[in-house]
Amino acid sequence: GAVGMKELMQSWLLAGIIVVISLTVTL
């Protein structure tokens, strides 16, 4: 029940996207 979860999960997704970029662009 903690508040502000949407903003928190946007940062969570951003980290995942950045690492995916490091993989796909490198390849």
mmCIF file of all heavy atoms, coordinates in Angstrom:
data_MODEL
# 
_entry.id   MODEL 
# 
loop_
_atom_site.group_PDB 
_atom_site.id 
_atom_site.type_symbol 
_atom_site.label_atom_id 
_atom_site.label_alt_id 
_atom_site.label_comp_id 
_atom_site.label_asym_id 
_atom_site.label_entity_id 
_atom_site.label_seq_id 
_atom_site.pdbx_PDB_ins_code 
_atom_site.Cartn_x 
_atom_site.Cartn_y 
_atom_site.Cartn_z 
_atom_site.occupancy 
_atom_site.B_iso_or_equiv 
_atom_site.pdbx_formal_charge 
_atom_site.auth_seq_id 
_atom_site.auth_comp_id 
_atom_site.auth_asym_id 
_atom_site.auth_atom_id 
_atom_site.pdbx_PDB_model_num 
ATOM 1   N N   . GLY A 1 1  ? 0.768  -1.237 0.000   1.00 0.00 ? 1  GLY A N   1 
ATOM 2   C CA  . GLY A 1 1  ? 0.000  0.000  0.000   1.00 0.00 ? 1  GLY A CA  1 
ATOM 3   C C   . GLY A 1 1  ? 0.795  1.280  0.000   1.00 0.00 ? 1  GLY A C   1 
ATOM 4   O O   . GLY A 1 1  ? 0.226  2.361  0.179   1.00 0.00 ? 1  GLY A O   1 
ATOM 5   N N   . ALA A 1 2  ? 2.090  1.248  -0.201  1.00 0.00 ? 2  ALA A N   1 
ATOM 6   C CA  . ALA A 1 2  ? 2.894  2.468  -0.245  1.00 0.00 ? 2  ALA A CA  1 
ATOM 7   C C   . ALA A 1 2  ? 2.456  3.343  -1.414  1.00 0.00 ? 2  ALA A C   1 
ATOM 8   O O   . ALA A 1 2  ? 2.019  2.849  -2.447  1.00 0.00 ? 2  ALA A O   1 
ATOM 9   C CB  . ALA A 1 2  ? 4.375  2.118  -0.371  1.00 0.00 ? 2  ALA A CB  1 
ATOM 10  N N   . VAL A 1 3  ? 2.615  4.661  -1.279  1.00 0.00 ? 3  VAL A N   1 
ATOM 11  C CA  . VAL A 1 3  ? 2.156  5.592  -2.312  1.00 0.00 ? 3  VAL A CA  1 
ATOM 12  C C   . VAL A 1 3  ? 3.286  5.896  -3.299  1.00 0.00 ? 3  VAL A C   1 
ATOM 13  O O   . VAL A 1 3  ? 4.449  5.606  -3.041  1.00 0.00 ? 3  VAL A O   1 
ATOM 14  C CB  . VAL A 1 3  ? 1.655  6.908  -1.681  1.00 0.00 ? 3  VAL A CB  1 
ATOM 15  C CG1 . VAL A 1 3  ? 0.465  6.642  -0.796  1.00 0.00 ? 3  VAL A CG1 1 
ATOM 16  C CG2 . VAL A 1 3  ? 2.774  7.586  -0.892  1.00 0.00 ? 3  VAL A CG2 1 
ATOM 17  N N   . GLY A 1 4  ? 2.914  6.505  -4.468  1.00 0.00 ? 4  GLY A N   1 
ATOM 18  C CA  . GLY A 1 4  ? 3.913  6.911  -5.452  1.00 0.00 ? 4  GLY A CA  1 
ATOM 19  C C   . GLY A 1 4  ? 4.509  5.756  -6.225  1.00 0.00 ? 4  GLY A C   1 
ATOM 20  O O   . GLY A 1 4  ? 5.631  5.857  -6.720  1.00 0.00 ? 4  GLY A O   1 
ATOM 21  N N   . MET A 1 5  ? 3.752  4.665  -6.348  1.00 0.00 ? 5  MET A N   1 
ATOM 22  C CA  . MET A 1 5  ? 4.299  3.460  -6.965  1.00 0.00 ? 5  MET A CA  1 
ATOM 23  C C   . MET A 1 5  ? 4.508  3.619  -8.479  1.00 0.00 ? 5  MET A C   1 
ATOM 24  O O   . MET A 1 5  ? 5.446  3.063  -9.047  1.00 0.00 ? 5  MET A O   1 
ATOM 25  C CB  . MET A 1 5  ? 3.381  2.275  -6.680  1.00 0.00 ? 5  MET A CB  1 
ATOM 26  C CG  . MET A 1 5  ? 3.994  0.925  -7.007  1.00 0.00 ? 5  MET A CG  1 
ATOM 27  S SD  . MET A 1 5  ? 5.560  0.666  -6.137  1.00 0.00 ? 5  MET A SD  1 
ATOM 28  C CE  . MET A 1 5  ? 5.019  0.701  -4.435  1.00 0.00 ? 5  MET A CE  1 
ATOM 29  N N   . LYS A 1 6  ? 3.646  4.397  -9.144  1.00 0.00 ? 6  LYS A N   1 
ATOM 30  C CA  . LYS A 1 6  ? 3.768  4.567  -10.586 1.00 0.00 ? 6  LYS A CA  1 
ATOM 31  C C   . LYS A 1 6  ? 5.096  5.208  -10.956 1.00 0.00 ? 6  LYS A C   1 
ATOM 32  O O   . LYS A 1 6  ? 5.785  4.756  -11.882 1.00 0.00 ? 6  LYS A O   1 
ATOM 33  C CB  . LYS A 1 6  ? 2.607  5.421  -11.119 1.00 0.00 ? 6  LYS A CB  1 
ATOM 34  C CG  . LYS A 1 6  ? 2.603  5.561  -12.627 1.00 0.00 ? 6  LYS A CG  1 
ATOM 35  C CD  . LYS A 1 6  ? 1.382  6.345  -13.102 1.00 0.00 ? 6  LYS A CD  1 
ATOM 36  C CE  . LYS A 1 6  ? 1.389  6.472  -14.626 1.00 0.00 ? 6  LYS A CE  1 
ATOM 37  N NZ  . LYS A 1 6  ? 0.203  7.254  -15.101 1.00 0.00 ? 6  LYS A NZ  1 
ATOM 38  N N   . GLU A 1 7  ? 5.481  6.263  -10.256 1.00 0.00 ? 7  GLU A N   1 
ATOM 39  C CA  . GLU A 1 7  ? 6.761  6.927  -10.520 1.00 0.00 ? 7  GLU A CA  1 
ATOM 40  C C   . GLU A 1 7  ? 7.931  6.006  -10.223 1.00 0.00 ? 7  GLU A C   1 
ATOM 41  O O   . GLU A 1 7  ? 8.929  5.996  -10.931 1.00 0.00 ? 7  GLU A O   1 
ATOM 42  C CB  . GLU A 1 7  ? 6.863  8.210  -9.675  1.00 0.00 ? 7  GLU A CB  1 
ATOM 43  C CG  . GLU A 1 7  ? 5.919  9.323  -10.078 1.00 0.00 ? 7  GLU A CG  1 
ATOM 44  C CD  . GLU A 1 7  ? 4.499  9.107  -9.593  1.00 0.00 ? 7  GLU A CD  1 
ATOM 45  O OE1 . GLU A 1 7  ? 4.282  8.160  -8.797  1.00 0.00 ? 7  GLU A OE1 1 
ATOM 46  O OE2 . GLU A 1 7  ? 3.604  9.875  -10.005 1.00 0.00 ? 7  GLU A OE2 1 
ATOM 47  N N   . LEU A 1 8  ? 7.787  5.227  -9.160  1.00 0.00 ? 8  LEU A N   1 
ATOM 48  C CA  . LEU A 1 8  ? 8.844  4.286  -8.785  1.00 0.00 ? 8  LEU A CA  1 
ATOM 49  C C   . LEU A 1 8  ? 9.073  3.263  -9.890  1.00 0.00 ? 8  LEU A C   1 
ATOM 50  O O   . LEU A 1 8  ? 10.221 2.968  -10.265 1.00 0.00 ? 8  LEU A O   1 
ATOM 51  C CB  . LEU A 1 8  ? 8.467  3.579  -7.485  1.00 0.00 ? 8  LEU A CB  1 
ATOM 52  C CG  . LEU A 1 8  ? 9.484  2.580  -6.917  1.00 0.00 ? 8  LEU A CG  1 
ATOM 53  C CD1 . LEU A 1 8  ? 10.713 3.298  -6.423  1.00 0.00 ? 8  LEU A CD1 1 
ATOM 54  C CD2 . LEU A 1 8  ? 8.853  1.764  -5.794  1.00 0.00 ? 8  LEU A CD2 1 
ATOM 55  N N   . MET A 1 9  ? 7.998  2.737  -10.461 1.00 0.00 ? 9  MET A N   1 
ATOM 56  C CA  . MET A 1 9  ? 8.110  1.695  -11.467 1.00 0.00 ? 9  MET A CA  1 
ATOM 57  C C   . MET A 1 9  ? 8.583  2.233  -12.812 1.00 0.00 ? 9  MET A C   1 
ATOM 58  O O   . MET A 1 9  ? 9.133  1.497  -13.628 1.00 0.00 ? 9  MET A O   1 
ATOM 59  C CB  . MET A 1 9  ? 6.770  0.973  -11.627 1.00 0.00 ? 9  MET A CB  1 
ATOM 60  C CG  . MET A 1 9  ? 6.333  0.233  -10.366 1.00 0.00 ? 9  MET A CG  1 
ATOM 61  S SD  . MET A 1 9  ? 7.655  -0.743 -9.593  1.00 0.00 ? 9  MET A SD  1 
ATOM 62  C CE  . MET A 1 9  ? 7.922  -1.983 -10.872 1.00 0.00 ? 9  MET A CE  1 
ATOM 63  N N   . GLN A 1 10 ? 8.413  3.524  -13.049 1.00 0.00 ? 10 GLN A N   1 
ATOM 64  C CA  . GLN A 1 10 ? 8.968  4.112  -14.262 1.00 0.00 ? 10 GLN A CA  1 
ATOM 65  C C   . GLN A 1 10 ? 10.490 4.103  -14.215 1.00 0.00 ? 10 GLN A C   1 
ATOM 66  O O   . GLN A 1 10 ? 11.153 3.830  -15.220 1.00 0.00 ? 10 GLN A O   1 
ATOM 67  C CB  . GLN A 1 10 ? 8.432  5.535  -14.450 1.00 0.00 ? 10 GLN A CB  1 
ATOM 68  C CG  . GLN A 1 10 ? 6.983  5.584  -14.896 1.00 0.00 ? 10 GLN A CG  1 
ATOM 69  C CD  . GLN A 1 10 ? 6.441  6.992  -15.027 1.00 0.00 ? 10 GLN A CD  1 
ATOM 70  O OE1 . GLN A 1 10 ? 6.999  7.946  -14.472 1.00 0.00 ? 10 GLN A OE1 1 
ATOM 71  N NE2 . GLN A 1 10 ? 5.345  7.143  -15.752 1.00 0.00 ? 10 GLN A NE2 1 
ATOM 72  N N   . SER A 1 11 ? 11.043 4.389  -13.058 1.00 0.00 ? 11 SER A N   1 
ATOM 73  C CA  . SER A 1 11 ? 12.502 4.310  -12.896 1.00 0.00 ? 11 SER A CA  1 
ATOM 74  C C   . SER A 1 11 ? 12.983 2.867  -12.990 1.00 0.00 ? 11 SER A C   1 
ATOM 75  O O   . SER A 1 11 ? 14.062 2.589  -13.514 1.00 0.00 ? 11 SER A O   1 
ATOM 76  C CB  . SER A 1 11 ? 12.920 4.920  -11.552 1.00 0.00 ? 11 SER A CB  1 
ATOM 77  O OG  . SER A 1 11 ? 12.628 6.300  -11.512 1.00 0.00 ? 11 SER A OG  1 
ATOM 78  N N   . TRP A 1 12 ? 12.171 1.952  -12.471 1.00 0.00 ? 12 TRP A N   1 
ATOM 79  C CA  . TRP A 1 12 ? 12.493 0.517  -12.550 1.00 0.00 ? 12 TRP A CA  1 
ATOM 80  C C   . TRP A 1 12 ? 12.559 0.065  -14.006 1.00 0.00 ? 12 TRP A C   1 
ATOM 81  O O   . TRP A 1 12 ? 13.490 -0.628 -14.414 1.00 0.00 ? 12 TRP A O   1 
ATOM 82  C CB  . TRP A 1 12 ? 11.411 -0.255 -11.800 1.00 0.00 ? 12 TRP A CB  1 
ATOM 83  C CG  . TRP A 1 12 ? 11.497 -1.746 -11.868 1.00 0.00 ? 12 TRP A CG  1 
ATOM 84  C CD1 . TRP A 1 12 ? 12.275 -2.561 -11.084 1.00 0.00 ? 12 TRP A CD1 1 
ATOM 85  C CD2 . TRP A 1 12 ? 10.780 -2.620 -12.749 1.00 0.00 ? 12 TRP A CD2 1 
ATOM 86  N NE1 . TRP A 1 12 ? 12.087 -3.881 -11.419 1.00 0.00 ? 12 TRP A NE1 1 
ATOM 87  C CE2 . TRP A 1 12 ? 11.171 -3.946 -12.438 1.00 0.00 ? 12 TRP A CE2 1 
ATOM 88  C CE3 . TRP A 1 12 ? 9.847  -2.410 -13.760 1.00 0.00 ? 12 TRP A CE3 1 
ATOM 89  C CZ2 . TRP A 1 12 ? 10.667 -5.047 -13.118 1.00 0.00 ? 12 TRP A CZ2 1 
ATOM 90  C CZ3 . TRP A 1 12 ? 9.335  -3.515 -14.441 1.00 0.00 ? 12 TRP A CZ3 1 
ATOM 91  C CH2 . TRP A 1 12 ? 9.740  -4.809 -14.121 1.00 0.00 ? 12 TRP A CH2 1 
ATOM 92  N N   . LEU A 1 13 ? 11.584 0.495  -14.805 1.00 0.00 ? 13 LEU A N   1 
ATOM 93  C CA  . LEU A 1 13 ? 11.578 0.143  -16.226 1.00 0.00 ? 13 LEU A CA  1 
ATOM 94  C C   . LEU A 1 13 ? 12.742 0.792  -16.957 1.00 0.00 ? 13 LEU A C   1 
ATOM 95  O O   . LEU A 1 13 ? 13.373 0.160  -17.811 1.00 0.00 ? 13 LEU A O   1 
ATOM 96  C CB  . LEU A 1 13 ? 10.258 0.592  -16.863 1.00 0.00 ? 13 LEU A CB  1 
ATOM 97  C CG  . LEU A 1 13 ? 10.139 0.380  -18.385 1.00 0.00 ? 13 LEU A CG  1 
ATOM 98  C CD1 . LEU A 1 13 ? 10.151 -1.102 -18.721 1.00 0.00 ? 13 LEU A CD1 1 
ATOM 99  C CD2 . LEU A 1 13 ? 8.872  1.044  -18.917 1.00 0.00 ? 13 LEU A CD2 1 
ATOM 100 N N   . LEU A 1 14 ? 13.048 2.038  -16.625 1.00 0.00 ? 14 LEU A N   1 
ATOM 101 C CA  . LEU A 1 14 ? 14.142 2.753  -17.290 1.00 0.00 ? 14 LEU A CA  1 
ATOM 102 C C   . LEU A 1 14 ? 15.457 1.995  -17.156 1.00 0.00 ? 14 LEU A C   1 
ATOM 103 O O   . LEU A 1 14 ? 16.209 1.850  -18.130 1.00 0.00 ? 14 LEU A O   1 
ATOM 104 C CB  . LEU A 1 14 ? 14.290 4.155  -16.696 1.00 0.00 ? 14 LEU A CB  1 
ATOM 105 C CG  . LEU A 1 14 ? 15.511 4.958  -17.166 1.00 0.00 ? 14 LEU A CG  1 
ATOM 106 C CD1 . LEU A 1 14 ? 15.458 5.188  -18.676 1.00 0.00 ? 14 LEU A CD1 1 
ATOM 107 C CD2 . LEU A 1 14 ? 15.588 6.291  -16.409 1.00 0.00 ? 14 LEU A CD2 1 
ATOM 108 N N   . ALA A 1 15 ? 15.752 1.496  -15.963 1.00 0.00 ? 15 ALA A N   1 
ATOM 109 C CA  . ALA A 1 15 ? 16.996 0.743  -15.759 1.00 0.00 ? 15 ALA A CA  1 
ATOM 110 C C   . ALA A 1 15 ? 17.041 -0.491 -16.650 1.00 0.00 ? 15 ALA A C   1 
ATOM 111 O O   . ALA A 1 15 ? 18.070 -0.794 -17.255 1.00 0.00 ? 15 ALA A O   1 
ATOM 112 C CB  . ALA A 1 15 ? 17.134 0.341  -14.290 1.00 0.00 ? 15 ALA A CB  1 
ATOM 113 N N   . GLY A 1 16 ? 15.913 -1.196 -16.749 1.00 0.00 ? 16 GLY A N   1 
ATOM 114 C CA  . GLY A 1 16 ? 15.856 -2.367 -17.609 1.00 0.00 ? 16 GLY A CA  1 
ATOM 115 C C   . GLY A 1 16 ? 16.061 -2.014 -19.071 1.00 0.00 ? 16 GLY A C   1 
ATOM 116 O O   . GLY A 1 16 ? 16.789 -2.701 -19.798 1.00 0.00 ? 16 GLY A O   1 
ATOM 117 N N   . ILE A 1 17 ? 15.447 -0.921 -19.516 1.00 0.00 ? 17 ILE A N   1 
ATOM 118 C CA  . ILE A 1 17 ? 15.582 -0.493 -20.912 1.00 0.00 ? 17 ILE A CA  1 
ATOM 119 C C   . ILE A 1 17 ? 17.033 -0.136 -21.230 1.00 0.00 ? 17 ILE A C   1 
ATOM 120 O O   . ILE A 1 17 ? 17.555 -0.486 -22.293 1.00 0.00 ? 17 ILE A O   1 
ATOM 121 C CB  . ILE A 1 17 ? 14.654 0.704  -21.195 1.00 0.00 ? 17 ILE A CB  1 
ATOM 122 C CG1 . ILE A 1 17 ? 13.199 0.231  -21.256 1.00 0.00 ? 17 ILE A CG1 1 
ATOM 123 C CG2 . ILE A 1 17 ? 15.034 1.415  -22.488 1.00 0.00 ? 17 ILE A CG2 1 
ATOM 124 C CD1 . ILE A 1 17 ? 12.198 1.349  -21.407 1.00 0.00 ? 17 ILE A CD1 1 
ATOM 125 N N   . ILE A 1 18 ? 17.689 0.556  -20.320 1.00 0.00 ? 18 ILE A N   1 
ATOM 126 C CA  . ILE A 1 18 ? 19.080 0.954  -20.541 1.00 0.00 ? 18 ILE A CA  1 
ATOM 127 C C   . ILE A 1 18 ? 19.976 -0.266 -20.715 1.00 0.00 ? 18 ILE A C   1 
ATOM 128 O O   . ILE A 1 18 ? 20.844 -0.302 -21.612 1.00 0.00 ? 18 ILE A O   1 
ATOM 129 C CB  . ILE A 1 18 ? 19.578 1.833  -19.375 1.00 0.00 ? 18 ILE A CB  1 
ATOM 130 C CG1 . ILE A 1 18 ? 18.913 3.215  -19.443 1.00 0.00 ? 18 ILE A CG1 1 
ATOM 131 C CG2 . ILE A 1 18 ? 21.100 1.969  -19.408 1.00 0.00 ? 18 ILE A CG2 1 
ATOM 132 C CD1 . ILE A 1 18 ? 19.198 4.094  -18.242 1.00 0.00 ? 18 ILE A CD1 1 
ATOM 133 N N   . VAL A 1 19 ? 19.775 -1.292 -19.897 1.00 0.00 ? 19 VAL A N   1 
ATOM 134 C CA  . VAL A 1 19 ? 20.598 -2.498 -20.013 1.00 0.00 ? 19 VAL A CA  1 
ATOM 135 C C   . VAL A 1 19 ? 20.268 -3.262 -21.299 1.00 0.00 ? 19 VAL A C   1 
ATOM 136 O O   . VAL A 1 19 ? 21.159 -3.820 -21.947 1.00 0.00 ? 19 VAL A O   1 
ATOM 137 C CB  . VAL A 1 19 ? 20.441 -3.396 -18.775 1.00 0.00 ? 19 VAL A CB  1 
ATOM 138 C CG1 . VAL A 1 19 ? 21.255 -4.682 -18.927 1.00 0.00 ? 19 VAL A CG1 1 
ATOM 139 C CG2 . VAL A 1 19 ? 20.897 -2.652 -17.522 1.00 0.00 ? 19 VAL A CG2 1 
ATOM 140 N N   . VAL A 1 20 ? 18.997 -3.270 -21.701 1.00 0.00 ? 20 VAL A N   1 
ATOM 141 C CA  . VAL A 1 20 ? 18.629 -3.888 -22.978 1.00 0.00 ? 20 VAL A CA  1 
ATOM 142 C C   . VAL A 1 20 ? 19.328 -3.179 -24.126 1.00 0.00 ? 20 VAL A C   1 
ATOM 143 O O   . VAL A 1 20 ? 19.832 -3.808 -25.063 1.00 0.00 ? 20 VAL A O   1 
ATOM 144 C CB  . VAL A 1 20 ? 17.099 -3.872 -23.182 1.00 0.00 ? 20 VAL A CB  1 
ATOM 145 C CG1 . VAL A 1 20 ? 16.741 -4.246 -24.616 1.00 0.00 ? 20 VAL A CG1 1 
ATOM 146 C CG2 . VAL A 1 20 ? 16.422 -4.839 -22.220 1.00 0.00 ? 20 VAL A CG2 1 
ATOM 147 N N   . ILE A 1 21 ? 19.374 -1.839 -24.072 1.00 0.00 ? 21 ILE A N   1 
ATOM 148 C CA  . ILE A 1 21 ? 20.076 -1.076 -25.104 1.00 0.00 ? 21 ILE A CA  1 
ATOM 149 C C   . ILE A 1 21 ? 21.546 -1.467 -25.156 1.00 0.00 ? 21 ILE A C   1 
ATOM 150 O O   . ILE A 1 21 ? 22.128 -1.635 -26.238 1.00 0.00 ? 21 ILE A O   1 
ATOM 151 C CB  . ILE A 1 21 ? 19.929 0.440  -24.841 1.00 0.00 ? 21 ILE A CB  1 
ATOM 152 C CG1 . ILE A 1 21 ? 18.489 0.889  -25.101 1.00 0.00 ? 21 ILE A CG1 1 
ATOM 153 C CG2 . ILE A 1 21 ? 20.884 1.246  -25.720 1.00 0.00 ? 21 ILE A CG2 1 
ATOM 154 C CD1 . ILE A 1 21 ? 18.223 2.337  -24.731 1.00 0.00 ? 21 ILE A CD1 1 
ATOM 155 N N   . SER A 1 22 ? 22.161 -1.631 -23.984 1.00 0.00 ? 22 SER A N   1 
ATOM 156 C CA  . SER A 1 22 ? 23.584 -2.007 -23.949 1.00 0.00 ? 22 SER A CA  1 
ATOM 157 C C   . SER A 1 22 ? 23.822 -3.356 -24.615 1.00 0.00 ? 22 SER A C   1 
ATOM 158 O O   . SER A 1 22 ? 24.899 -3.605 -25.162 1.00 0.00 ? 22 SER A O   1 
ATOM 159 C CB  . SER A 1 22 ? 24.090 -2.033 -22.504 1.00 0.00 ? 22 SER A CB  1 
ATOM 160 O OG  . SER A 1 22 ? 23.669 -3.194 -21.809 1.00 0.00 ? 22 SER A OG  1 
ATOM 161 N N   . LEU A 1 23 ? 22.809 -4.222 -24.592 1.00 0.00 ? 23 LEU A N   1 
ATOM 162 C CA  . LEU A 1 23 ? 22.922 -5.542 -25.226 1.00 0.00 ? 23 LEU A CA  1 
ATOM 163 C C   . LEU A 1 23 ? 22.647 -5.477 -26.728 1.00 0.00 ? 23 LEU A C   1 
ATOM 164 O O   . LEU A 1 23 ? 23.458 -5.938 -27.539 1.00 0.00 ? 23 LEU A O   1 
ATOM 165 C CB  . LEU A 1 23 ? 21.950 -6.521 -24.566 1.00 0.00 ? 23 LEU A CB  1 
ATOM 166 C CG  . LEU A 1 23 ? 22.289 -7.003 -23.160 1.00 0.00 ? 23 LEU A CG  1 
ATOM 167 C CD1 . LEU A 1 23 ? 21.068 -7.643 -22.507 1.00 0.00 ? 23 LEU A CD1 1 
ATOM 168 C CD2 . LEU A 1 23 ? 23.447 -7.985 -23.188 1.00 0.00 ? 23 LEU A CD2 1 
ATOM 169 N N   . THR A 1 24 ? 21.501 -4.908 -27.104 1.00 0.00 ? 24 THR A N   1 
ATOM 170 C CA  . THR A 1 24 ? 21.082 -4.943 -28.508 1.00 0.00 ? 24 THR A CA  1 
ATOM 171 C C   . THR A 1 24 ? 21.945 -4.059 -29.392 1.00 0.00 ? 24 THR A C   1 
ATOM 172 O O   . THR A 1 24 ? 22.262 -4.435 -30.523 1.00 0.00 ? 24 THR A O   1 
ATOM 173 C CB  . THR A 1 24 ? 19.602 -4.536 -28.642 1.00 0.00 ? 24 THR A CB  1 
ATOM 174 O OG1 . THR A 1 24 ? 19.397 -3.238 -28.078 1.00 0.00 ? 24 THR A OG1 1 
ATOM 175 C CG2 . THR A 1 24 ? 18.709 -5.530 -27.916 1.00 0.00 ? 24 THR A CG2 1 
ATOM 176 N N   . VAL A 1 25 ? 22.332 -2.886 -28.891 1.00 0.00 ? 25 VAL A N   1 
ATOM 177 C CA  . VAL A 1 25 ? 23.179 -2.001 -29.698 1.00 0.00 ? 25 VAL A CA  1 
ATOM 178 C C   . VAL A 1 25 ? 24.576 -2.593 -29.846 1.00 0.00 ? 25 VAL A C   1 
ATOM 179 O O   . VAL A 1 25 ? 25.156 -2.569 -30.935 1.00 0.00 ? 25 VAL A O   1 
ATOM 180 C CB  . VAL A 1 25 ? 23.234 -0.589 -29.071 1.00 0.00 ? 25 VAL A CB  1 
ATOM 181 C CG1 . VAL A 1 25 ? 24.260 0.277  -29.794 1.00 0.00 ? 25 VAL A CG1 1 
ATOM 182 C CG2 . VAL A 1 25 ? 21.864 0.071  -29.127 1.00 0.00 ? 25 VAL A CG2 1 
ATOM 183 N N   . THR A 1 26 ? 25.105 -3.149 -28.771 1.00 0.00 ? 26 THR A N   1 
ATOM 184 C CA  . THR A 1 26 ? 26.415 -3.806 -28.852 1.00 0.00 ? 26 THR A CA  1 
ATOM 185 C C   . THR A 1 26 ? 26.403 -4.911 -29.903 1.00 0.00 ? 26 THR A C   1 
ATOM 186 O O   . THR A 1 26 ? 27.312 -5.009 -30.735 1.00 0.00 ? 26 THR A O   1 
ATOM 187 C CB  . THR A 1 26 ? 26.787 -4.412 -27.484 1.00 0.00 ? 26 THR A CB  1 
ATOM 188 O OG1 . THR A 1 26 ? 26.997 -3.360 -26.549 1.00 0.00 ? 26 THR A OG1 1 
ATOM 189 C CG2 . THR A 1 26 ? 28.064 -5.241 -27.586 1.00 0.00 ? 26 THR A CG2 1 
ATOM 190 N N   . LEU A 1 27 ? 25.367 -5.723 -29.877 1.00 0.00 ? 27 LEU A N   1 
ATOM 191 C CA  . LEU A 1 27 ? 25.268 -6.823 -30.833 1.00 0.00 ? 27 LEU A CA  1 
ATOM 192 C C   . LEU A 1 27 ? 25.150 -6.303 -32.258 1.00 0.00 ? 27 LEU A C   1 
ATOM 193 O O   . LEU A 1 27 ? 25.759 -6.860 -33.184 1.00 0.00 ? 27 LEU A O   1 
ATOM 194 C CB  . LEU A 1 27 ? 24.069 -7.701 -30.487 1.00 0.00 ? 27 LEU A CB  1 
ATOM 195 C CG  . LEU A 1 27 ? 23.993 -9.067 -31.182 1.00 0.00 ? 27 LEU A CG  1 
ATOM 196 C CD1 . LEU A 1 27 ? 25.206 -9.916 -30.844 1.00 0.00 ? 27 LEU A CD1 1 
ATOM 197 C CD2 . LEU A 1 27 ? 22.716 -9.797 -30.759 1.00 0.00 ? 27 LEU A CD2 1 
# 
